[in-house]
Amino acid sequence: MSTLRKQNLLTPQDVADRLGVSTTTLATWRCTKRYPLAYVKVGRLVRYRAGDVDAFEIARLQEVIANDN
């Protein structure tokens, strides 16, 4: 695997820290398919592509609309 590709793969701990959840929560999401956060699995290793995590965050963006009253 090229160095560039390795840099784009995040560990569950990286993603948990970024999203503010635990690695156990990420494992639960994977197992129950609660959220559509794609991951790469090779043997026992789980990795997340940086672009997939970006897309996951963007899909959950909540727009705040100011009330001018």
Protein backbone atom coordinates (compact mmCIF):
# COMPACT_ATOMS: atom_id res chain seq x y z
CA MET A 1 0.00 0.00 0.00
CA SER A 2 1.38 3.37 -0.86
CA THR A 3 2.27 5.92 1.80
CA LEU A 4 -0.45 8.25 0.50
CA ARG A 5 -3.13 5.61 1.00
CA LYS A 6 -1.88 4.77 4.49
CA GLN A 7 -2.15 8.43 5.45
CA ASN A 8 -5.83 8.46 4.43
CA LEU A 9 -6.71 5.54 6.73
CA LEU A 10 -7.69 6.35 10.30
CA THR A 11 -7.74 4.03 13.29
CA PRO A 12 -10.91 3.61 15.34
CA GLN A 13 -9.21 5.67 18.08
CA ASP A 14 -8.54 8.49 15.59
CA VAL A 15 -12.20 8.52 14.52
CA ALA A 16 -13.52 8.21 18.07
CA ASP A 17 -11.43 11.21 19.14
CA ARG A 18 -12.58 13.20 16.13
CA LEU A 19 -16.28 12.44 16.65
CA GLY A 20 -16.21 12.65 20.43
CA VAL A 21 -17.38 9.08 21.00
CA SER A 22 -15.69 5.97 22.37
CA THR A 23 -14.18 3.18 20.30
CA THR A 24 -16.83 0.93 21.87
CA THR A 25 -19.52 3.18 20.39
CA LEU A 26 -17.91 2.89 16.95
CA ALA A 27 -17.84 -0.91 17.31
CA THR A 28 -21.53 -0.87 18.24
CA TRP A 29 -22.34 1.27 15.21
CA ARG A 30 -20.47 -1.18 12.96
CA CYS A 31 -22.20 -4.20 14.48
CA THR A 32 -25.73 -2.78 14.46
CA LYS A 33 -25.29 -0.70 11.29
CA ARG A 34 -26.87 2.16 13.20
CA TYR A 35 -25.04 4.80 11.19
CA PRO A 36 -23.75 4.53 7.62
CA LEU A 37 -20.09 5.14 8.49
CA ALA A 38 -18.11 3.08 6.02
CA TYR A 39 -15.03 1.22 7.20
CA VAL A 40 -12.32 -1.04 5.82
CA LYS A 41 -11.77 -4.40 7.49
CA VAL A 42 -8.76 -6.63 6.89
CA GLY A 43 -8.68 -9.56 9.26
CA ARG A 44 -9.20 -8.09 12.71
CA LEU A 45 -8.05 -4.61 11.73
CA VAL A 46 -10.64 -1.88 11.23
CA ARG A 47 -9.73 1.36 9.51
CA TYR A 48 -11.74 4.32 8.27
CA ARG A 49 -11.06 6.33 5.15
CA ALA A 50 -10.68 10.03 5.95
CA GLY A 51 -13.08 10.98 3.15
CA ASP A 52 -15.78 8.69 4.55
CA VAL A 53 -15.46 10.31 7.98
CA ASP A 54 -15.67 13.75 6.35
CA ALA A 55 -18.84 12.71 4.49
CA PHE A 56 -20.32 11.26 7.70
CA GLU A 57 -19.77 14.57 9.50
CA ILE A 58 -21.16 16.64 6.62
CA ALA A 59 -24.28 14.46 6.40
CA ARG A 60 -24.97 15.20 10.06
CA LEU A 61 -24.47 18.94 9.89
CA GLN A 62 -27.38 20.75 11.50
CA GLU A 63 -28.13 24.20 10.14
CA VAL A 64 -29.12 26.78 12.70
CA ILE A 65 -31.63 29.32 11.50
CA ALA A 66 -31.64 32.60 13.43
CA ASN A 67 -35.00 33.89 14.56
CA ASP A 68 -35.11 37.66 13.99
CA ASN A 69 -38.27 38.24 16.07
